[in-house]
């Protein structure tokens, strides 16, 4: 369980870095308040976190289902 915790924390830190980088690179004039800017960065990082973790754990699940199925077939044959 600890391994998944560290992976999820790493994914969130990566998504937060992407969000802050996107905020800094944005060329539109910033007219929002500081609290609104923080809210946008946090929500964008949650969205990026969801997408990255969905892809990674989806691939992880597919890999283990395929490996388990192939190993089961090889043991039967």
N, C-alpha and C. Protein backbone atom coordinates (compact mmCIF):
# COMPACT_ATOMS: atom_id res chain seq x y z
N UNK A 1 0.82 -1.20 0.00
CA UNK A 1 0.00 0.00 0.00
C UNK A 1 0.86 1.26 0.00
N UNK A 2 2.01 1.18 0.66
CA UNK A 2 2.88 2.34 0.73
C UNK A 2 3.41 2.73 -0.65
N UNK A 3 3.63 1.71 -1.50
CA UNK A 3 4.14 1.97 -2.84
C UNK A 3 3.13 2.80 -3.64
N UNK A 4 1.83 2.48 -3.51
CA UNK A 4 0.81 3.23 -4.22
C UNK A 4 0.69 4.65 -3.68
N UNK A 5 0.86 4.80 -2.38
CA UNK A 5 0.80 6.13 -1.77
C UNK A 5 1.90 7.03 -2.35
N UNK A 6 3.11 6.52 -2.41
CA UNK A 6 4.22 7.32 -2.94
C UNK A 6 4.03 7.60 -4.43
N UNK A 7 3.48 6.64 -5.16
CA UNK A 7 3.22 6.87 -6.58
C UNK A 7 2.17 7.95 -6.77
N UNK A 8 1.11 7.93 -5.96
CA UNK A 8 0.06 8.94 -6.08
C UNK A 8 0.56 10.32 -5.66
N UNK A 9 1.38 10.38 -4.63
CA UNK A 9 1.95 11.67 -4.22
C UNK A 9 2.86 12.21 -5.32
N UNK A 10 3.66 11.34 -5.92
CA UNK A 10 4.52 11.76 -7.02
C UNK A 10 3.73 12.25 -8.21
N UNK A 11 2.64 11.57 -8.53
CA UNK A 11 1.79 12.00 -9.65
C UNK A 11 1.17 13.36 -9.34
N UNK A 12 0.73 13.57 -8.09
CA UNK A 12 0.14 14.86 -7.76
C UNK A 12 1.17 15.98 -7.81
N UNK A 13 2.37 15.72 -7.34
CA UNK A 13 3.42 16.75 -7.41
C UNK A 13 3.73 17.08 -8.87
N UNK A 14 3.78 16.07 -9.72
CA UNK A 14 4.01 16.31 -11.15
C UNK A 14 2.87 17.13 -11.74
N UNK A 15 1.64 16.82 -11.40
CA UNK A 15 0.51 17.58 -11.94
C UNK A 15 0.49 19.00 -11.40
N UNK A 16 0.92 19.20 -10.16
CA UNK A 16 1.00 20.55 -9.61
C UNK A 16 2.07 21.36 -10.32
N UNK A 17 3.19 20.72 -10.64
CA UNK A 17 4.26 21.40 -11.39
C UNK A 17 3.75 21.80 -12.77
N UNK A 18 3.02 20.90 -13.44
CA UNK A 18 2.46 21.22 -14.76
C UNK A 18 1.48 22.39 -14.66
N UNK A 19 0.66 22.41 -13.62
CA UNK A 19 -0.32 23.48 -13.45
C UNK A 19 0.35 24.83 -13.22
N UNK A 20 1.34 24.86 -12.36
CA UNK A 20 2.05 26.12 -12.08
C UNK A 20 2.80 26.58 -13.33
N UNK A 21 3.41 25.64 -14.04
CA UNK A 21 4.11 26.00 -15.28
C UNK A 21 3.12 26.57 -16.30
N UNK A 22 1.96 25.95 -16.43
CA UNK A 22 0.94 26.47 -17.35
C UNK A 22 0.44 27.84 -16.94
N UNK A 23 0.32 28.07 -15.65
CA UNK A 23 -0.11 29.38 -15.15
C UNK A 23 0.93 30.45 -15.47
N UNK A 24 2.21 30.10 -15.31
CA UNK A 24 3.27 31.08 -15.56
C UNK A 24 3.45 31.36 -17.05
N UNK A 25 3.22 30.37 -17.89
CA UNK A 25 3.41 30.53 -19.33
C UNK A 25 2.23 31.24 -19.98
N UNK A 26 1.07 31.22 -19.31
CA UNK A 26 -0.14 31.83 -19.87
C UNK A 26 0.12 33.30 -20.20
N UNK A 27 -0.22 33.68 -21.44
CA UNK A 27 0.10 35.04 -21.90
C UNK A 27 -1.06 36.02 -21.71
N UNK A 28 -2.21 35.55 -21.25
CA UNK A 28 -3.33 36.45 -21.03
C UNK A 28 -3.06 37.33 -19.82
N UNK A 29 -3.55 38.57 -19.85
CA UNK A 29 -3.38 39.42 -18.66
C UNK A 29 -4.18 38.85 -17.48
N UNK A 30 -3.56 38.84 -16.33
CA UNK A 30 -4.16 38.26 -15.14
C UNK A 30 -4.99 39.31 -14.42
N UNK A 31 -6.32 39.11 -14.41
CA UNK A 31 -7.21 40.07 -13.75
C UNK A 31 -7.92 39.46 -12.54
N UNK A 32 -7.62 38.21 -12.22
CA UNK A 32 -8.28 37.52 -11.10
C UNK A 32 -7.59 37.84 -9.78
N UNK A 33 -8.32 37.57 -8.70
CA UNK A 33 -7.73 37.74 -7.37
C UNK A 33 -6.78 36.59 -7.08
N UNK A 34 -6.01 36.73 -6.03
CA UNK A 34 -5.03 35.70 -5.66
C UNK A 34 -5.75 34.41 -5.29
N UNK A 35 -6.84 34.51 -4.56
CA UNK A 35 -7.57 33.30 -4.16
C UNK A 35 -8.15 32.57 -5.37
N UNK A 36 -8.60 33.31 -6.38
CA UNK A 36 -9.11 32.68 -7.59
C UNK A 36 -7.98 32.01 -8.38
N UNK A 37 -6.82 32.63 -8.42
CA UNK A 37 -5.67 32.02 -9.08
C UNK A 37 -5.25 30.72 -8.40
N UNK A 38 -5.24 30.72 -7.07
CA UNK A 38 -4.90 29.51 -6.32
C UNK A 38 -5.93 28.43 -6.58
N UNK A 39 -7.21 28.81 -6.59
CA UNK A 39 -8.27 27.86 -6.86
C UNK A 39 -8.11 27.23 -8.25
N UNK A 40 -7.81 28.04 -9.26
CA UNK A 40 -7.62 27.53 -10.61
C UNK A 40 -6.44 26.56 -10.70
N UNK A 41 -5.34 26.90 -10.04
CA UNK A 41 -4.15 26.04 -10.08
C UNK A 41 -4.45 24.70 -9.39
N UNK A 42 -5.11 24.75 -8.24
CA UNK A 42 -5.41 23.51 -7.50
C UNK A 42 -6.39 22.64 -8.28
N UNK A 43 -7.44 23.24 -8.85
CA UNK A 43 -8.41 22.44 -9.60
C UNK A 43 -7.79 21.85 -10.87
N UNK A 44 -6.96 22.62 -11.55
CA UNK A 44 -6.28 22.09 -12.73
C UNK A 44 -5.33 20.97 -12.36
N UNK A 45 -4.66 21.10 -11.23
CA UNK A 45 -3.76 20.02 -10.81
C UNK A 45 -4.55 18.77 -10.46
N UNK A 46 -5.75 18.90 -9.87
CA UNK A 46 -6.59 17.73 -9.60
C UNK A 46 -7.04 17.06 -10.90
N UNK A 47 -7.37 17.87 -11.89
CA UNK A 47 -7.79 17.30 -13.17
C UNK A 47 -6.64 16.57 -13.85
N UNK A 48 -5.47 17.16 -13.84
CA UNK A 48 -4.29 16.51 -14.44
C UNK A 48 -3.95 15.26 -13.64
N UNK A 49 -4.04 15.32 -12.32
CA UNK A 49 -3.80 14.16 -11.47
C UNK A 49 -4.74 13.01 -11.83
N UNK A 50 -6.00 13.32 -12.01
CA UNK A 50 -6.98 12.30 -12.36
C UNK A 50 -6.67 11.66 -13.70
N UNK A 51 -6.28 12.47 -14.67
CA UNK A 51 -5.98 11.92 -15.99
C UNK A 51 -4.72 11.05 -15.96
N UNK A 52 -3.66 11.55 -15.34
CA UNK A 52 -2.40 10.79 -15.31
C UNK A 52 -2.56 9.51 -14.50
N UNK A 53 -3.19 9.60 -13.33
CA UNK A 53 -3.34 8.40 -12.51
C UNK A 53 -4.29 7.41 -13.17
N UNK A 54 -5.31 7.89 -13.88
CA UNK A 54 -6.19 6.99 -14.61
C UNK A 54 -5.47 6.23 -15.70
N UNK A 55 -4.61 6.92 -16.42
CA UNK A 55 -3.84 6.26 -17.47
C UNK A 55 -2.85 5.26 -16.87
N UNK A 56 -2.12 5.69 -15.87
CA UNK A 56 -1.10 4.82 -15.28
C UNK A 56 -1.72 3.59 -14.63
N UNK A 57 -2.77 3.78 -13.82
CA UNK A 57 -3.37 2.62 -13.16
C UNK A 57 -4.20 1.78 -14.13
N UNK A 58 -4.71 2.38 -15.20
CA UNK A 58 -5.37 1.60 -16.24
C UNK A 58 -4.38 0.69 -16.95
N UNK A 59 -3.22 1.22 -17.29
CA UNK A 59 -2.18 0.40 -17.91
C UNK A 59 -1.68 -0.66 -16.94
N UNK A 60 -1.55 -0.30 -15.68
CA UNK A 60 -1.11 -1.23 -14.64
C UNK A 60 -2.10 -2.39 -14.52
N UNK A 61 -3.39 -2.08 -14.51
CA UNK A 61 -4.41 -3.10 -14.41
C UNK A 61 -4.42 -3.99 -15.65
N UNK A 62 -4.34 -3.40 -16.82
CA UNK A 62 -4.32 -4.19 -18.05
C UNK A 62 -3.11 -5.10 -18.09
N UNK A 63 -1.96 -4.61 -17.68
CA UNK A 63 -0.75 -5.42 -17.68
C UNK A 63 -0.91 -6.65 -16.79
N UNK A 64 -1.40 -6.42 -15.57
CA UNK A 64 -1.53 -7.55 -14.66
C UNK A 64 -2.64 -8.51 -15.06
N UNK A 65 -3.70 -8.02 -15.70
CA UNK A 65 -4.73 -8.92 -16.20
C UNK A 65 -4.20 -9.78 -17.34
N UNK A 66 -3.43 -9.17 -18.24
CA UNK A 66 -2.86 -9.91 -19.36
C UNK A 66 -1.83 -10.91 -18.87
N UNK A 67 -0.96 -10.49 -17.97
CA UNK A 67 0.07 -11.39 -17.45
C UNK A 67 -0.58 -12.56 -16.71
N UNK A 68 -1.59 -12.27 -15.91
CA UNK A 68 -2.26 -13.33 -15.16
C UNK A 68 -2.95 -14.31 -16.11
N UNK A 69 -3.59 -13.78 -17.16
CA UNK A 69 -4.27 -14.63 -18.13
C UNK A 69 -3.26 -15.48 -18.91
N UNK A 70 -2.15 -14.87 -19.33
CA UNK A 70 -1.15 -15.62 -20.08
C UNK A 70 -0.48 -16.68 -19.20
N UNK A 71 -0.21 -16.33 -17.96
CA UNK A 71 0.40 -17.31 -17.06
C UNK A 71 -0.56 -18.46 -16.77
N UNK A 72 -1.84 -18.14 -16.64
CA UNK A 72 -2.81 -19.19 -16.38
C UNK A 72 -2.92 -20.12 -17.59
N UNK A 73 -2.86 -19.58 -18.83
CA UNK A 73 -2.93 -20.40 -20.02
C UNK A 73 -1.68 -21.27 -20.15
N UNK A 74 -0.53 -20.75 -19.81
CA UNK A 74 0.70 -21.52 -19.91
C UNK A 74 0.74 -22.65 -18.88
N UNK A 75 0.16 -22.39 -17.71
CA UNK A 75 0.12 -23.42 -16.69
C UNK A 75 -0.84 -24.53 -17.07
N UNK A 76 -1.94 -24.18 -17.75
CA UNK A 76 -2.93 -25.17 -18.17
C UNK A 76 -2.37 -26.01 -19.32
N UNK A 77 -1.68 -25.38 -20.26
CA UNK A 77 -1.15 -26.10 -21.42
C UNK A 77 -0.02 -26.95 -21.03
